[in-house]
Protein backbone atom coordinates (compact mmCIF):
# COMPACT_ATOMS: atom_id res chain seq x y z
CA UNK A 1 0.00 0.00 0.00
CA UNK A 2 2.73 2.48 0.95
CA UNK A 3 4.70 1.66 -2.21
CA UNK A 4 1.73 2.60 -4.42
CA UNK A 5 1.25 5.82 -2.44
CA UNK A 6 4.89 6.74 -3.07
CA UNK A 7 4.45 6.10 -6.81
CA UNK A 8 1.35 8.33 -6.84
CA UNK A 9 3.23 11.13 -5.07
CA UNK A 10 6.12 10.84 -7.53
CA UNK A 11 3.71 10.99 -10.44
CA UNK A 12 2.22 14.24 -9.10
CA UNK A 13 5.70 15.76 -8.84
CA UNK A 14 6.63 14.76 -12.39
CA UNK A 15 3.42 15.91 -14.08
CA UNK A 16 4.36 19.57 -14.76
CA UNK A 17 7.56 18.49 -16.51
CA UNK A 18 5.83 15.82 -18.61
CA UNK A 19 2.96 18.13 -19.55
CA UNK A 20 5.59 20.62 -20.75
CA UNK A 21 7.27 17.89 -22.81
CA UNK A 22 3.90 16.94 -24.34
CA UNK A 23 3.16 20.57 -25.21
CA UNK A 24 6.56 20.95 -26.89
CA UNK A 25 5.71 18.01 -29.18
CA UNK A 26 2.74 19.93 -30.66
CA UNK A 27 0.65 16.77 -30.84
CA UNK A 28 -2.38 16.56 -33.06
CA UNK A 29 -5.49 14.68 -31.95
CA UNK A 30 -5.13 11.00 -32.80
CA UNK A 31 -1.41 11.13 -33.55
CA UNK A 32 0.22 7.71 -33.02
CA UNK A 33 3.25 7.41 -30.73
CA UNK A 34 5.36 4.42 -29.69
CA UNK A 35 7.01 5.17 -26.33
CA UNK A 36 9.95 2.80 -25.97
CA UNK A 37 11.20 2.41 -22.42
CA UNK A 38 8.00 3.77 -20.87
CA UNK A 39 8.97 2.61 -17.34
CA UNK A 40 6.07 3.57 -15.00
CA UNK A 41 4.13 5.12 -17.89
CA UNK A 42 4.01 8.72 -16.60
CA UNK A 43 4.82 10.34 -19.95
CA UNK A 44 2.85 7.69 -21.83
CA UNK A 45 -0.36 8.55 -19.94
CA UNK A 46 0.18 12.29 -20.31
CA UNK A 47 0.70 11.95 -24.07
CA UNK A 48 -2.62 10.06 -24.20
CA UNK A 49 -4.26 12.84 -22.16
CA UNK A 50 -3.04 15.26 -24.84
CA UNK A 51 -4.93 13.29 -27.49
CA UNK A 52 -2.28 10.95 -28.84
CA UNK A 53 -2.83 7.24 -29.41
CA UNK A 54 0.08 5.84 -27.44
CA UNK A 55 1.66 2.41 -27.13
CA UNK A 56 4.21 2.05 -24.34
CA UNK A 57 6.87 -0.64 -24.39
CA UNK A 58 9.19 -1.68 -21.60
CA UNK A 59 11.18 -4.90 -21.08
CA UNK A 60 10.21 -5.04 -17.38
CA UNK A 61 6.96 -7.01 -17.03
CA UNK A 62 6.33 -5.64 -13.51
CA UNK A 63 6.40 -2.09 -14.83
CA UNK A 64 3.97 -3.01 -17.60
CA UNK A 65 1.62 -4.50 -15.00
CA UNK A 66 1.88 -1.26 -13.02
CA UNK A 67 1.12 0.82 -16.13
CA UNK A 68 -1.94 -1.25 -16.95
CA UNK A 69 -3.43 -0.55 -13.51
CA UNK A 70 -4.26 3.07 -14.40
CA UNK A 71 -7.48 4.48 -15.77
CA UNK A 72 -7.58 7.88 -17.50
CA UNK A 73 -11.09 8.72 -16.29
CA UNK A 74 -12.72 7.45 -19.44
CA UNK A 75 -10.03 8.83 -21.75
CA UNK A 76 -8.20 6.90 -24.42
CA UNK A 77 -5.96 4.48 -22.57
CA UNK A 78 -2.44 3.78 -23.78
CA UNK A 79 -1.61 0.17 -24.57
CA UNK A 80 1.42 -1.42 -22.98
CA UNK A 81 3.64 -4.24 -24.21
């Protein structure tokens, strides 16, 4: 339980940076992105929130399981492999 809380706190701290990265990419609605090395999926989810269709890939199966546990409040969910 505490480990998930720490991950949630870290995600909140990283969001301003990742939203800035997403805005610098000038994404168009429905643009397709492959995020290689997505780790915990922070940037992957934010790119999806900005309208991109995102697939995240990471070699660590535990990280992929963690990524798949998120819901974007009815938004377009990234896929993870």
